[in-house]
Amino acid sequence: MHSVLLDRASLAAVSFMVLASGASGASADPNIPWTVFTFIFTSVIGLYTWLSRRHAATSSDLSDVEKSVAVISERILHLPTQPQVAALDASVRELSAEIHGLNKRLEAAGQRLNRVEDYLERKFP
């Protein structure tokens, strides 16, 4: 958009120069068209600069962004890598399988204990 605005301003300035050069014979002061052109051209450049700077980031904005990036970078350094996560997943799966096996063995031991208890209750009422 800025280049379009500048191109239009340049076109307007050239058009004004052509018109001013054609009308210079009718004017009493030959410097008036040049003064008007200079004023319009300077105004257009000033407006363009003001519009483009209005959206520019300030140094405090950039400082805030740099601080945020530093904090995020520090947090990322402490995150585990993909191989570490994969190893942890494998370890959790292994522990889950072992716990499942222990549960089966505990159920079998519980059943044996119940049978022994039933036998003892029948033998010694």
PDB file of N, CA and C in Angstrom:
ATOM      1  N   MET A   1       0.809  -1.174   0.000  1.00  0.00           N
ATOM      2  CA  MET A   1       0.000   0.000   0.000  1.00  0.00           C
ATOM      3  C   MET A   1       0.860   1.249   0.000  1.00  0.00           C
ATOM      4  N   HIS A   2       1.988   1.196   0.712  1.00  0.00           N
ATOM      5  CA  HIS A   2       2.852   2.373   0.795  1.00  0.00           C
ATOM      6  C   HIS A   2       3.426   2.726  -0.560  1.00  0.00           C
ATOM      7  N   SER A   3       3.804   1.717  -1.340  1.00  0.00           N
ATOM      8  CA  SER A   3       4.359   2.002  -2.652  1.00  0.00           C
ATOM      9  C   SER A   3       3.297   2.590  -3.567  1.00  0.00           C
ATOM     10  N   VAL A   4       2.044   2.144  -3.431  1.00  0.00           N
ATOM     11  CA  VAL A   4       0.970   2.695  -4.234  1.00  0.00           C
ATOM     12  C   VAL A   4       0.751   4.153  -3.871  1.00  0.00           C
ATOM     13  N   LEU A   5       0.784   4.463  -2.575  1.00  0.00           N
ATOM     14  CA  LEU A   5       0.610   5.842  -2.128  1.00  0.00           C
ATOM     15  C   LEU A   5       1.738   6.716  -2.652  1.00  0.00           C
ATOM     16  N   LEU A   6       2.960   6.222  -2.606  1.00  0.00           N
ATOM     17  CA  LEU A   6       4.097   6.982  -3.089  1.00  0.00           C
ATOM     18  C   LEU A   6       4.015   7.162  -4.600  1.00  0.00           C
ATOM     19  N   ASP A   7       3.593   6.131  -5.326  1.00  0.00           N
ATOM     20  CA  ASP A   7       3.464   6.233  -6.766  1.00  0.00           C
ATOM     21  C   ASP A   7       2.401   7.255  -7.150  1.00  0.00           C
ATOM     22  N   ARG A   8       1.298   7.252  -6.438  1.00  0.00           N
ATOM     23  CA  ARG A   8       0.253   8.237  -6.700  1.00  0.00           C
ATOM     24  C   ARG A   8       0.746   9.645  -6.401  1.00  0.00           C
ATOM     25  N   ALA A   9       1.524   9.773  -5.328  1.00  0.00           N
ATOM     26  CA  ALA A   9       2.066  11.082  -4.976  1.00  0.00           C
ATOM     27  C   ALA A   9       3.032  11.553  -6.050  1.00  0.00           C
ATOM     28  N   SER A  10       3.862  10.648  -6.549  1.00  0.00           N
ATOM     29  CA  SER A  10       4.799  11.018  -7.611  1.00  0.00           C
ATOM     30  C   SER A  10       4.050  11.414  -8.876  1.00  0.00           C
ATOM     31  N   LEU A  11       3.001  10.676  -9.207  1.00  0.00           N
ATOM     32  CA  LEU A  11       2.199  10.988 -10.378  1.00  0.00           C
ATOM     33  C   LEU A  11       1.533  12.350 -10.228  1.00  0.00           C
ATOM     34  N   ALA A  12       1.019  12.607  -9.041  1.00  0.00           N
ATOM     35  CA  ALA A  12       0.385  13.905  -8.798  1.00  0.00           C
ATOM     36  C   ALA A  12       1.416  15.024  -8.898  1.00  0.00           C
ATOM     37  N   ALA A  13       2.603  14.783  -8.388  1.00  0.00           N
ATOM     38  CA  ALA A  13       3.643  15.809  -8.443  1.00  0.00           C
ATOM     39  C   ALA A  13       4.052  16.080  -9.881  1.00  0.00           C
ATOM     40  N   VAL A  14       4.212  15.054 -10.681  1.00  0.00           N
ATOM     41  CA  VAL A  14       4.590  15.234 -12.089  1.00  0.00           C
ATOM     42  C   VAL A  14       3.467  15.950 -12.836  1.00  0.00           C
ATOM     43  N   SER A  15       2.226  15.546 -12.572  1.00  0.00           N
ATOM     44  CA  SER A  15       1.089  16.204 -13.224  1.00  0.00           C
ATOM     45  C   SER A  15       1.051  17.673 -12.858  1.00  0.00           C
ATOM     46  N   PHE A  16       1.302  17.964 -11.602  1.00  0.00           N
ATOM     47  CA  PHE A  16       1.282  19.359 -11.162  1.00  0.00           C
ATOM     48  C   PHE A  16       2.395  20.144 -11.836  1.00  0.00           C
ATOM     49  N   MET A  17       3.563  19.508 -11.975  1.00  0.00           N
ATOM     50  CA  MET A  17       4.678  20.200 -12.640  1.00  0.00           C
ATOM     51  C   MET A  17       4.331  20.503 -14.089  1.00  0.00           C
ATOM     52  N   VAL A  18       3.697  19.570 -14.775  1.00  0.00           N
ATOM     53  CA  VAL A  18       3.325  19.784 -16.174  1.00  0.00           C
ATOM     54  C   VAL A  18       2.307  20.913 -16.266  1.00  0.00           C
ATOM     55  N   LEU A  19       1.307  20.860 -15.370  1.00  0.00           N
ATOM     56  CA  LEU A  19       0.294  21.918 -15.377  1.00  0.00           C
ATOM     57  C   LEU A  19       0.908  23.258 -15.015  1.00  0.00           C
ATOM     58  N   ALA A  20       1.809  23.248 -14.040  1.00  0.00           N
ATOM     59  CA  ALA A  20       2.423  24.497 -13.607  1.00  0.00           C
ATOM     60  C   ALA A  20       3.314  25.080 -14.701  1.00  0.00           C
ATOM     61  N   SER A  21       3.994  24.225 -15.447  1.00  0.00           N
ATOM     62  CA  SER A  21       4.855  24.738 -16.505  1.00  0.00           C
ATOM     63  C   SER A  21       4.033  25.331 -17.639  1.00  0.00           C
ATOM     64  N   GLY A  22       2.843  24.777 -17.872  1.00  0.00           N
ATOM     65  CA  GLY A  22       1.974  25.322 -18.911  1.00  0.00           C
ATOM     66  C   GLY A  22       1.317  26.615 -18.485  1.00  0.00           C
ATOM     67  N   ALA A  23       1.080  26.783 -17.196  1.00  0.00           N
ATOM     68  CA  ALA A  23       0.384  27.967 -16.700  1.00  0.00           C
ATOM     69  C   ALA A  23       1.353  29.026 -16.223  1.00  0.00           C
ATOM     70  N   SER A  24       2.643  28.828 -16.390  1.00  0.00           N
ATOM     71  CA  SER A  24       3.605  29.789 -15.856  1.00  0.00           C
ATOM     72  C   SER A  24       3.585  31.119 -16.576  1.00  0.00           C
ATOM     73  N   GLY A  25       3.138  31.122 -17.819  1.00  0.00           N
ATOM     74  CA  GLY A  25       3.077  32.376 -18.551  1.00  0.00           C
ATOM     75  C   GLY A  25       1.984  33.282 -18.019  1.00  0.00           C
ATOM     76  N   ALA A  26       0.919  32.704 -17.453  1.00  0.00           N
ATOM     77  CA  ALA A  26      -0.194  33.507 -16.955  1.00  0.00           C
ATOM     78  C   ALA A  26       0.080  34.024 -15.562  1.00  0.00           C
ATOM     79  N   SER A  27       1.029  33.452 -14.885  1.00  0.00           N
ATOM     80  CA  SER A  27       1.296  33.835 -13.501  1.00  0.00           C
ATOM     81  C   SER A  27       2.251  35.014 -13.470  1.00  0.00           C
ATOM     82  N   ALA A  28       2.045  35.892 -12.498  1.00  0.00           N
ATOM     83  CA  ALA A  28       2.916  37.049 -12.356  1.00  0.00           C
ATOM     84  C   ALA A  28       4.244  36.651 -11.738  1.00  0.00           C
ATOM     85  N   ASP A  29       4.214  35.738 -10.755  1.00  0.00           N
ATOM     86  CA  ASP A  29       5.437  35.299 -10.079  1.00  0.00           C
ATOM     87  C   ASP A  29       5.768  33.885 -10.544  1.00  0.00           C
ATOM     88  N   PRO A  30       6.887  33.656 -11.242  1.00  0.00           N
ATOM     89  CA  PRO A  30       7.198  32.322 -11.750  1.00  0.00           C
ATOM     90  C   PRO A  30       7.548  31.323 -10.640  1.00  0.00           C
ATOM     91  N   ASN A  31       7.840  31.736  -9.411  1.00  0.00           N
ATOM     92  CA  ASN A  31       8.195  30.843  -8.314  1.00  0.00           C
ATOM     93  C   ASN A  31       6.978  30.283  -7.585  1.00  0.00           C
ATOM     94  N   ILE A  32       5.788  30.813  -7.817  1.00  0.00           N
ATOM     95  CA  ILE A  32       4.586  30.348  -7.101  1.00  0.00           C
ATOM     96  C   ILE A  32       4.275  28.888  -7.445  1.00  0.00           C
ATOM     97  N   PRO A  33       4.249  28.466  -8.711  1.00  0.00           N
ATOM     98  CA  PRO A  33       3.972  27.051  -8.978  1.00  0.00           C
ATOM     99  C   PRO A  33       5.011  26.136  -8.340  1.00  0.00           C
ATOM    100  N   TRP A  34       6.257  26.512  -8.350  1.00  0.00           N
ATOM    101  CA  TRP A  34       7.297  25.688  -7.730  1.00  0.00           C
ATOM    102  C   TRP A  34       7.101  25.628  -6.223  1.00  0.00           C
ATOM    103  N   THR A  35       6.729  26.726  -5.592  1.00  0.00           N
ATOM    104  CA  THR A  35       6.483  26.766  -4.152  1.00  0.00           C
ATOM    105  C   THR A  35       5.294  25.888  -3.796  1.00  0.00           C
ATOM    106  N   VAL A  36       4.234  25.977  -4.575  1.00  0.00           N
ATOM    107  CA  VAL A  36       3.048  25.138  -4.334  1.00  0.00           C
ATOM    108  C   VAL A  36       3.409  23.674  -4.529  1.00  0.00           C
ATOM    109  N   PHE A  37       4.143  23.371  -5.597  1.00  0.00           N
ATOM    110  CA  PHE A  37       4.569  21.997  -5.822  1.00  0.00           C
ATOM    111  C   PHE A  37       5.406  21.482  -4.651  1.00  0.00           C
ATOM    112  N   THR A  38       6.351  22.281  -4.195  1.00  0.00           N
ATOM    113  CA  THR A  38       7.211  21.885  -3.072  1.00  0.00           C
ATOM    114  C   THR A  38       6.376  21.635  -1.826  1.00  0.00           C
ATOM    115  N   PHE A  39       5.408  22.491  -1.574  1.00  0.00           N
ATOM    116  CA  PHE A  39       4.545  22.326  -0.400  1.00  0.00           C
ATOM    117  C   PHE A  39       3.735  21.042  -0.507  1.00  0.00           C
ATOM    118  N   ILE A  40       3.135  20.793  -1.660  1.00  0.00           N
ATOM    119  CA  ILE A  40       2.315  19.583  -1.833  1.00  0.00           C
ATOM    120  C   ILE A  40       3.184  18.336  -1.744  1.00  0.00           C
ATOM    121  N   PHE A  41       4.321  18.359  -2.406  1.00  0.00           N
ATOM    122  CA  PHE A  41       5.202  17.193  -2.384  1.00  0.00           C
ATOM    123  C   PHE A  41       5.691  16.905  -0.973  1.00  0.00           C
ATOM    124  N   THR A  42       6.094  17.933  -0.236  1.00  0.00           N
ATOM    125  CA  THR A  42       6.554  17.761   1.144  1.00  0.00           C
ATOM    126  C   THR A  42       5.413  17.259   2.027  1.00  0.00           C
ATOM    127  N   SER A  43       4.222  17.761   1.798  1.00  0.00           N
ATOM    128  CA  SER A  43       3.061  17.306   2.576  1.00  0.00           C
ATOM    129  C   SER A  43       2.769  15.835   2.316  1.00  0.00           C
ATOM    130  N   VAL A  44       2.846  15.425   1.058  1.00  0.00           N
ATOM    131  CA  VAL A  44       2.598  14.020   0.716  1.00  0.00           C
ATOM    132  C   VAL A  44       3.661  13.127   1.349  1.00  0.00           C
ATOM    133  N   ILE A  45       4.907  13.506   1.273  1.00  0.00           N
ATOM    134  CA  ILE A  45       5.981  12.710   1.896  1.00  0.00           C
ATOM    135  C   ILE A  45       5.792  12.667   3.406  1.00  0.00           C
ATOM    136  N   GLY A  46       5.434  13.784   3.997  1.00  0.00           N
ATOM    137  CA  GLY A  46       5.189  13.803   5.445  1.00  0.00           C
ATOM    138  C   GLY A  46       4.033  12.907   5.832  1.00  0.00           C
ATOM    139  N   LEU A  47       2.943  12.932   5.071  1.00  0.00           N
ATOM    140  CA  LEU A  47       1.797  12.067   5.337  1.00  0.00           C
ATOM    141  C   LEU A  47       2.178  10.599   5.184  1.00  0.00           C
ATOM    142  N   TYR A  48       2.921  10.287   4.140  1.00  0.00           N
ATOM    143  CA  TYR A  48       3.380   8.915   3.935  1.00  0.00           C
ATOM    144  C   TYR A  48       4.252   8.445   5.113  1.00  0.00           C
ATOM    145  N   THR A  49       5.166   9.286   5.537  1.00  0.00           N
ATOM    146  CA  THR A  49       6.042   8.943   6.662  1.00  0.00           C
ATOM    147  C   THR A  49       5.241   8.752   7.935  1.00  0.00           C
ATOM    148  N   TRP A  50       4.301   9.626   8.184  1.00  0.00           N
ATOM    149  CA  TRP A  50       3.479   9.520   9.402  1.00  0.00           C
ATOM    150  C   TRP A  50       2.661   8.237   9.385  1.00  0.00           C
ATOM    151  N   LEU A  51       2.061   7.901   8.226  1.00  0.00           N
ATOM    152  CA  LEU A  51       1.260   6.676   8.142  1.00  0.00           C
ATOM    153  C   LEU A  51       2.120   5.428   8.303  1.00  0.00           C
ATOM    154  N   SER A  52       3.307   5.439   7.732  1.00  0.00           N
ATOM    155  CA  SER A  52       4.158   4.244   7.836  1.00  0.00           C
ATOM    156  C   SER A  52       4.751   4.097   9.238  1.00  0.00           C
ATOM    157  N   ARG A  53       5.072   5.177   9.906  1.00  0.00           N
ATOM    158  CA  ARG A  53       5.643   5.111  11.257  1.00  0.00           C
ATOM    159  C   ARG A  53       4.592   4.788  12.307  1.00  0.00           C
ATOM    160  N   ARG A  54       3.339   5.057  11.989  1.00  0.00           N
ATOM    161  CA  ARG A  54       2.269   4.819  12.957  1.00  0.00           C
ATOM    162  C   ARG A  54       2.170   3.337  13.307  1.00  0.00           C
ATOM    163  N   HIS A  55       2.486   2.484  12.354  1.00  0.00           N
ATOM    164  CA  HIS A  55       2.393   1.046  12.579  1.00  0.00           C
ATOM    165  C   HIS A  55       3.744   0.409  12.896  1.00  0.00           C
ATOM    166  N   ALA A  56       4.774   1.176  12.985  1.00  0.00           N
ATOM    167  CA  ALA A  56       6.111   0.636  13.268  1.00  0.00           C
ATOM    168  C   ALA A  56       6.234   0.290  14.754  1.00  0.00           C
ATOM    169  N   ALA A  57       7.026  -0.707  15.052  1.00  0.00           N
ATOM    170  CA  ALA A  57       7.243  -1.119  16.432  1.00  0.00           C
ATOM    171  C   ALA A  57       8.234  -0.173  17.107  1.00  0.00           C
ATOM    172  N   THR A  58       7.978   0.089  18.371  1.00  0.00           N
ATOM    173  CA  THR A  58       8.891   0.933  19.129  1.00  0.00           C
ATOM    174  C   THR A  58       9.949   0.068  19.797  1.00  0.00           C
ATOM    175  N   SER A  59      10.974   0.704  20.324  1.00  0.00           N
ATOM    176  CA  SER A  59      12.045  -0.061  20.971  1.00  0.00           C
ATOM    177  C   SER A  59      11.546  -0.758  22.228  1.00  0.00           C
ATOM    178  N   SER A  60      10.573  -0.174  22.932  1.00  0.00           N
ATOM    179  CA  SER A  60      10.038  -0.844  24.123  1.00  0.00           C
ATOM    180  C   SER A  60       9.244  -2.082  23.721  1.00  0.00           C
ATOM    181  N   ASP A  61       8.524  -2.010  22.591  1.00  0.00           N
ATOM    182  CA  ASP A  61       7.810  -3.197  22.101  1.00  0.00           C
ATOM    183  C   ASP A  61       8.795  -4.303  21.765  1.00  0.00           C
ATOM    184  N   LEU A  62       9.872  -3.946  21.100  1.00  0.00           N
ATOM    185  CA  LEU A  62      10.884  -4.938  20.744  1.00  0.00           C
ATOM    186  C   LEU A  62      11.560  -5.511  21.982  1.00  0.00           C
ATOM    187  N   SER A  63      11.762  -4.682  22.993  1.00  0.00           N
ATOM    188  CA  SER A  63      12.361  -5.159  24.236  1.00  0.00           C
ATOM    189  C   SER A  63      11.445  -6.172  24.916  1.00  0.00           C
ATOM    190  N   ASP A  64      10.148  -5.887  24.925  1.00  0.00           N
ATOM    191  CA  ASP A  64       9.190  -6.829  25.512  1.00  0.00           C
ATOM    192  C   ASP A  64       9.182  -8.145  24.757  1.00  0.00           C
ATOM    193  N   VAL A  65       9.245  -8.073  23.446  1.00  0.00           N
ATOM    194  CA  VAL A  65       9.260  -9.294  22.634  1.00  0.00           C
ATOM    195  C   VAL A  65      10.541 -10.083  22.891  1.00  0.00           C
ATOM    196  N   GLU A  66      11.669  -9.408  22.999  1.00  0.00           N
ATOM    197  CA  GLU A  66      12.937 -10.092  23.280  1.00  0.00           C
ATOM    198  C   GLU A  66      12.890 -10.793  24.631  1.00  0.00           C
ATOM    199  N   LYS A  67      12.288 -10.142  25.637  1.00  0.00           N
ATOM    200  CA  LYS A  67      12.169 -10.772  26.953  1.00  0.00           C
ATOM    201  C   LYS A  67      11.285 -12.016  26.880  1.00  0.00           C
ATOM    202  N   SER A  68      10.177 -11.927  26.150  1.00  0.00           N
ATOM    203  CA  SER A  68       9.282 -13.072  26.013  1.00  0.00           C
ATOM    204  C   SER A  68       9.979 -14.223  25.299  1.00  0.00           C
ATOM    205  N   VAL A  69      10.728 -13.914  24.268  1.00  0.00           N
ATOM    206  CA  VAL A  69      11.460 -14.952  23.536  1.00  0.00           C
ATOM    207  C   VAL A  69      12.506 -15.597  24.439  1.00  0.00           C
ATOM    208  N   ALA A  70      13.167 -14.810  25.267  1.00  0.00           N
ATOM    209  CA  ALA A  70      14.175 -15.357  26.184  1.00  0.00           C
ATOM    210  C   ALA A  70      13.531 -16.303  27.198  1.00  0.00           C
ATOM    211  N   VAL A  71      12.367 -15.925  27.726  1.00  0.00           N
ATOM    212  CA  VAL A  71      11.676 -16.777  28.699  1.00  0.00           C
ATOM    213  C   VAL A  71      11.235 -18.079  28.035  1.00  0.00           C
ATOM    214  N   ILE A  72      10.669 -17.979  26.843  1.00  0.00           N
ATOM    215  CA  ILE A  72      10.212 -19.183  26.139  1.00  0.00           C
ATOM    216  C   ILE A  72      11.397 -20.068  25.783  1.00  0.00           C
ATOM    217  N   SER A  73      12.496 -19.474  25.361  1.00  0.00           N
ATOM    218  CA  SER A  73      13.689 -20.260  25.032  1.00  0.00           C
ATOM    219  C   SER A  73      14.213 -21.001  26.253  1.00  0.00           C
ATOM    220  N   GLU A  74      14.196 -20.348  27.395  1.00  0.00           N
ATOM    221  CA  GLU A  74      14.649 -20.994  28.635  1.00  0.00           C
ATOM    222  C   GLU A  74      13.739 -22.166  28.998  1.00  0.00           C
ATOM    223  N   ARG A  75      12.441 -21.998  28.804  1.00  0.00           N
ATOM    224  CA  ARG A  75      11.500 -23.091  29.113  1.00  0.00           C
ATOM    225  C   ARG A  75      11.686 -24.254  28.147  1.00  0.00           C
ATOM    226  N   ILE A  76      11.954 -23.935  26.891  1.00  0.00           N
ATOM    227  CA  ILE A  76      12.127 -24.991  25.893  1.00  0.00           C
ATOM    228  C   ILE A  76      13.378 -25.815  26.181  1.00  0.00           C
ATOM    229  N   LEU A  77      14.404 -25.191  26.732  1.00  0.00           N
ATOM    230  CA  LEU A  77      15.636 -25.929  27.034  1.00  0.00           C
ATOM    231  C   LEU A  77      15.397 -27.050  28.038  1.00  0.00           C
ATOM    232  N   HIS A  78      14.406 -26.879  28.913  1.00  0.00           N
ATOM    233  CA  HIS A  78      14.148 -27.874  29.955  1.00  0.00           C
ATOM    234  C   HIS A  78      13.152 -28.947  29.520  1.00  0.00           C
ATOM    235  N   LEU A  79      12.585 -28.828  28.347  1.00  0.00           N
ATOM    236  CA  LEU A  79      11.651 -29.840  27.862  1.00  0.00           C
ATOM    237  C   LEU A  79      12.416 -31.077  27.393  1.00  0.00           C
ATOM    238  N   PRO A  80      11.808 -32.255  27.585  1.00  0.00           N
ATOM    239  CA  PRO A  80      12.487 -33.473  27.121  1.00  0.00           C
ATOM    240  C   PRO A  80      12.465 -33.558  25.596  1.00  0.00           C
ATOM    241  N   THR A  81      13.451 -34.260  25.064  1.00  0.00           N
ATOM    242  CA  THR A  81      13.531 -34.451  23.614  1.00  0.00           C
ATOM    243  C   THR A  81      12.634 -35.622  23.218  1.00  0.00           C
ATOM    244  N   GLN A  82      12.440 -35.799  21.920  1.00  0.00           N
ATOM    245  CA  GLN A  82      11.589 -36.883  21.431  1.00  0.00           C
ATOM    246  C   GLN A  82      12.136 -38.259  21.839  1.00  0.00           C
ATOM    247  N   PRO A  83      13.452 -38.514  21.743  1.00  0.00           N
ATOM    248  CA  PRO A  83      13.952 -39.822  22.205  1.00  0.00           C
ATOM    249  C   PRO A  83      13.729 -40.039  23.709  1.00  0.00           C
ATOM    250  N   GLN A  84      13.844 -38.975  24.485  1.00  0.00           N
ATOM    251  CA  GLN A  84      13.599 -39.105  25.923  1.00  0.00           C
ATOM    252  C   GLN A  84      12.130 -39.436  26.201  1.00  0.00           C
ATOM    253  N   VAL A  85      11.233 -38.814  25.476  1.00  0.00           N
ATOM    254  CA  VAL A  85       9.805 -39.101  25.650  1.00  0.00           C
ATOM    255  C   VAL A  85       9.503 -40.526  25.220  1.00  0.00           C
ATOM    256  N   ALA A  86      10.107 -40.974  24.127  1.00  0.00           N
ATOM    257  CA  ALA A  86       9.903 -42.345  23.655  1.00  0.00           C
ATOM    258  C   ALA A  86      10.422 -43.351  24.682  1.00  0.00           C
ATOM    259  N   ALA A  87      11.583 -43.076  25.278  1.00  0.00           N
ATOM    260  CA  ALA A  87      12.137 -43.970  26.304  1.00  0.00           C
ATOM    261  C   ALA A  87      11.239 -43.993  27.532  1.00  0.00           C
ATOM    262  N   LEU A  88      10.720 -42.844  27.921  1.00  0.00           N
ATOM    263  CA  LEU A  88       9.806 -42.778  29.060  1.00  0.00           C
ATOM    264  C   LEU A  88       8.526 -43.548  28.776  1.00  0.00           C
ATOM    265  N   ASP A  89       8.001 -43.434  27.565  1.00  0.00           N
ATOM    266  CA  ASP A  89       6.801 -44.178  27.181  1.00  0.00           C
ATOM    267  C   ASP A  89       7.050 -45.683  27.252  1.00  0.00           C
ATOM    268  N   ALA A  90       8.204 -46.112  26.767  1.00  0.00           N
ATOM    269  CA  ALA A  90       8.542 -47.543  26.822  1.00  0.00           C
ATOM    270  C   ALA A  90       8.658 -48.016  28.266  1.00  0.00           C
ATOM    271  N   SER A  91       9.260 -47.191  29.120  1.00  0.00           N
ATOM    272  CA  SER A  91       9.392 -47.563  30.533  1.00  0.00           C
ATOM    273  C   SER A  91       8.029 -47.662  31.211  1.00  0.00           C
ATOM    274  N   VAL A  92       7.141 -46.738  30.904  1.00  0.00           N
ATOM    275  CA  VAL A  92       5.799 -46.769  31.500  1.00  0.00           C
ATOM    276  C   VAL A  92       5.038 -47.996  31.034  1.00  0.00           C
ATOM    277  N   ARG A  93       5.169 -48.336  29.757  1.00  0.00           N
ATOM    278  CA  ARG A  93       4.504 -49.542  29.249  1.00  0.00           C
ATOM    279  C   ARG A  93       5.063 -50.795  29.927  1.00  0.00           C
ATOM    280  N   GLU A  94       6.365 -50.829  30.130  1.00  0.00           N
ATOM    281  CA  GLU A  94       7.001 -51.978  30.797  1.00  0.00           C
ATOM    282  C   GLU A  94       6.521 -52.106  32.238  1.00  0.00           C
ATOM    283  N   LEU A  95       6.475 -50.966  32.938  1.00  0.00           N
ATOM    284  CA  LEU A  95       5.992 -50.989  34.320  1.00  0.00           C
ATOM    285  C   LEU A  95       4.520 -51.393  34.384  1.00  0.00           C
ATOM    286  N   SER A  96       3.737 -50.958  33.434  1.00  0.00           N
ATOM    287  CA  SER A  96       2.330 -51.331  33.392  1.00  0.00           C
ATOM    288  C   SER A  96       2.175 -52.839  33.207  1.00  0.00           C
ATOM    289  N   ALA A  97       2.987 -53.421  32.339  1.00  0.00           N
ATOM    290  CA  ALA A  97       2.938 -54.874  32.128  1.00  0.00           C
ATOM    291  C   ALA A  97       3.354 -55.616  33.399  1.00  0.00           C
ATOM    292  N   GLU A  98       4.385 -55.128  34.080  1.00  0.00           N
ATOM    293  CA  GLU A  98       4.821 -55.766  35.326  1.00  0.00           C
ATOM    294  C   GLU A  98       3.747 -55.668  36.402  1.00  0.00           C
ATOM    295  N   ILE A  99       3.093 -54.531  36.505  1.00  0.00           N
ATOM    296  CA  ILE A  99       2.030 -54.361  37.504  1.00  0.00           C
ATOM    297  C   ILE A  99       0.865 -55.291  37.175  1.00  0.00           C
ATOM    298  N   HIS A 100       0.553 -55.434  35.904  1.00  0.00           N
ATOM    299  CA  HIS A 100      -0.523 -56.343  35.500  1.00  0.00           C
ATOM    300  C   HIS A 100      -0.176 -57.781  35.905  1.00  0.00           C
ATOM    301  N   GLY A 101       1.092 -58.184  35.678  1.00  0.00           N
ATOM    302  CA  GLY A 101       1.539 -59.525  36.080  1.00  0.00           C
ATOM    303  C   GLY A 101       1.478 -59.706  37.593  1.00  0.00           C
ATOM    304  N   LEU A 102       1.861 -58.677  38.340  1.00  0.00           N
ATOM    305  CA  LEU A 102       1.788 -58.769  39.804  1.00  0.00           C
ATOM    306  C   LEU A 102       0.345 -58.875  40.278  1.00  0.00           C
ATOM    307  N   ASN A 103      -0.567 -58.189  39.631  1.00  0.00           N
ATOM    308  CA  ASN A 103      -1.979 -58.289  40.004  1.00  0.00           C
ATOM    309  C   ASN A 103      -2.489 -59.711  39.805  1.00  0.00           C
ATOM    310  N   LYS A 104      -2.109 -60.335  38.698  1.00  0.00           N
ATOM    311  CA  LYS A 104      -2.520 -61.730  38.454  1.00  0.00           C
ATOM    312  C   LYS A 104      -1.972 -62.648  39.547  1.00  0.00           C
ATOM    313  N   ARG A 105      -0.696 -62.455  39.910  1.00  0.00           N
ATOM    314  CA  ARG A 105      -0.089 -63.301  40.944  1.00  0.00           C
ATOM    315  C   ARG A 105      -0.751 -63.059  42.299  1.00  0.00           C
ATOM    316  N   LEU A 106      -1.096 -61.808  42.593  1.00  0.00           N
ATOM    317  CA  LEU A 106      -1.770 -61.515  43.858  1.00  0.00           C
ATOM    318  C   LEU A 106      -3.173 -62.119  43.900  1.00  0.00           C
ATOM    319  N   GLU A 107      -3.867 -62.120  42.768  1.00  0.00           N
ATOM    320  CA  GLU A 107      -5.186 -62.756  42.715  1.00  0.00           C
ATOM    321  C   GLU A 107      -5.065 -64.253  42.986  1.00  0.00           C
ATOM    322  N   ALA A 108      -4.064 -64.890  42.393  1.00  0.00           N
ATOM    323  CA  ALA A 108      -3.851 -66.327  42.609  1.00  0.00           C
ATOM    324  C   ALA A 108      -3.503 -66.591  44.070  1.00  0.00           C
ATOM    325  N   ALA A 109      -2.656 -65.739  44.662  1.00  0.00           N
ATOM    326  CA  ALA A 109      -2.296 -65.923  46.074  1.00  0.00           C
ATOM    327  C   ALA A 109      -3.528 -65.705  46.956  1.00  0.00           C
ATOM    328  N   GLY A 110      -4.380 -64.763  46.594  1.00  0.00           N
ATOM    329  CA  GLY A 110      -5.606 -64.522  47.352  1.00  0.00           C
ATOM    330  C   GLY A 110      -6.551 -65.707  47.281  1.00  0.00           C
ATOM    331  N   GLN A 111      -6.647 -66.325  46.118  1.00  0.00           N
ATOM    332  CA  GLN A 111      -7.500 -67.507  45.978  1.00  0.00           C
ATOM    333  C   GLN A 111      -6.966 -68.671  46.819  1.00  0.00           C
ATOM    334  N   ARG A 112      -5.640 -68.864  46.815  1.00  0.00           N
ATOM    335  CA  ARG A 112      -5.053 -69.922  47.651  1.00  0.00           C
ATOM    336  C   ARG A 112      -5.310 -69.651  49.123  1.00  0.00           C
ATOM    337  N   LEU A 113      -5.195 -68.417  49.533  1.00  0.00           N
ATOM    338  CA  LEU A 113      -5.430 -68.054  50.930  1.00  0.00           C
ATOM    339  C   LEU A 113      -6.886 -68.318  51.310  1.00  0.00           C
ATOM    340  N   ASN A 114      -7.805 -68.015  50.398  1.00  0.00           N
ATOM    341  CA  ASN A 114      -9.222 -68.293  50.667  1.00  0.00           C
ATOM    342  C   ASN A 114      -9.465 -69.786  50.802  1.00  0.00           C
ATOM    343  N   ARG A 115      -8.816 -70.609  49.988  1.00  0.00           N
ATOM    344  CA  ARG A 115      -8.974 -72.063  50.094  1.00  0.00           C
ATOM    345  C   ARG A 115      -8.411 -72.581  51.413  1.00  0.00           C
ATOM    346  N   VAL A 116      -7.256 -72.052  51.817  1.00  0.00           N
ATOM    347  CA  VAL A 116      -6.665 -72.469  53.092  1.00  0.00           C
ATOM    348  C   VAL A 116      -7.593 -72.055  54.240  1.00  0.00           C
ATOM    349  N   GLU A 117      -8.143 -70.863  54.146  1.00  0.00           N
ATOM    350  CA  GLU A 117      -9.054 -70.389  55.188  1.00  0.00           C
ATOM    351  C   GLU A 117     -10.301 -71.262  55.242  1.00  0.00           C
ATOM    352  N   ASP A 118     -10.876 -71.624  54.096  1.00  0.00           N
ATOM    353  CA  ASP A 118     -12.044 -72.505  54.057  1.00  0.00           C
ATOM    354  C   ASP A 118     -11.702 -73.878  54.660  1.00  0.00           C
ATOM    355  N   TYR A 119     -10.537 -74.408  54.344  1.00  0.00           N
ATOM    356  CA  TYR A 119     -10.127 -75.701  54.893  1.00  0.00           C
ATOM    357  C   TYR A 119      -9.996 -75.650  56.403  1.00  0.00           C
ATOM    358  N   LEU A 120      -9.360 -74.560  56.874  1.00  0.00           N
ATOM    359  CA  LEU A 120      -9.189 -74.444  58.313  1.00  0.00           C
ATOM    360  C   LEU A 120     -10.522 -74.238  59.031  1.00  0.00           C
ATOM    361  N   GLU A 121     -11.468 -73.560  58.416  1.00  0.00           N
ATOM    362  CA  GLU A 121     -12.777 -73.354  59.034  1.00  0.00           C
ATOM    363  C   GLU A 121     -13.541 -74.677  59.096  1.00  0.00           C
ATOM    364  N   ARG A 122     -13.391 -75.521  58.063  1.00  0.00           N
ATOM    365  CA  ARG A 122     -14.052 -76.830  58.087  1.00  0.00           C
ATOM    366  C   ARG A 122     -13.367 -77.788  59.049  1.00  0.00           C
ATOM    367  N   LYS A 123     -12.051 -77.728  59.112  1.00  0.00           N
ATOM    368  CA  LYS A 123     -11.294 -78.627  59.980  1.00  0.00           C
ATOM    369  C   LYS A 123     -11.462 -78.236  61.450  1.00  0.00           C
ATOM    370  N   PHE A 124     -11.452 -76.952  61.747  1.00  0.00           N
ATOM    371  CA  PHE A 124     -11.584 -76.470  63.128  1.00  0.00           C
ATOM    372  C   PHE A 124     -12.753 -75.495  63.206  1.00  0.00           C
ATOM    373  N   PRO A 125     -13.945 -76.023  63.309  1.00  0.00           N
ATOM    374  CA  PRO A 125     -15.120 -75.141  63.332  1.00  0.00           C
ATOM    375  C   PRO A 125     -15.257 -74.333  64.559  1.00  0.00           C
TER     376      PRO A 125
END
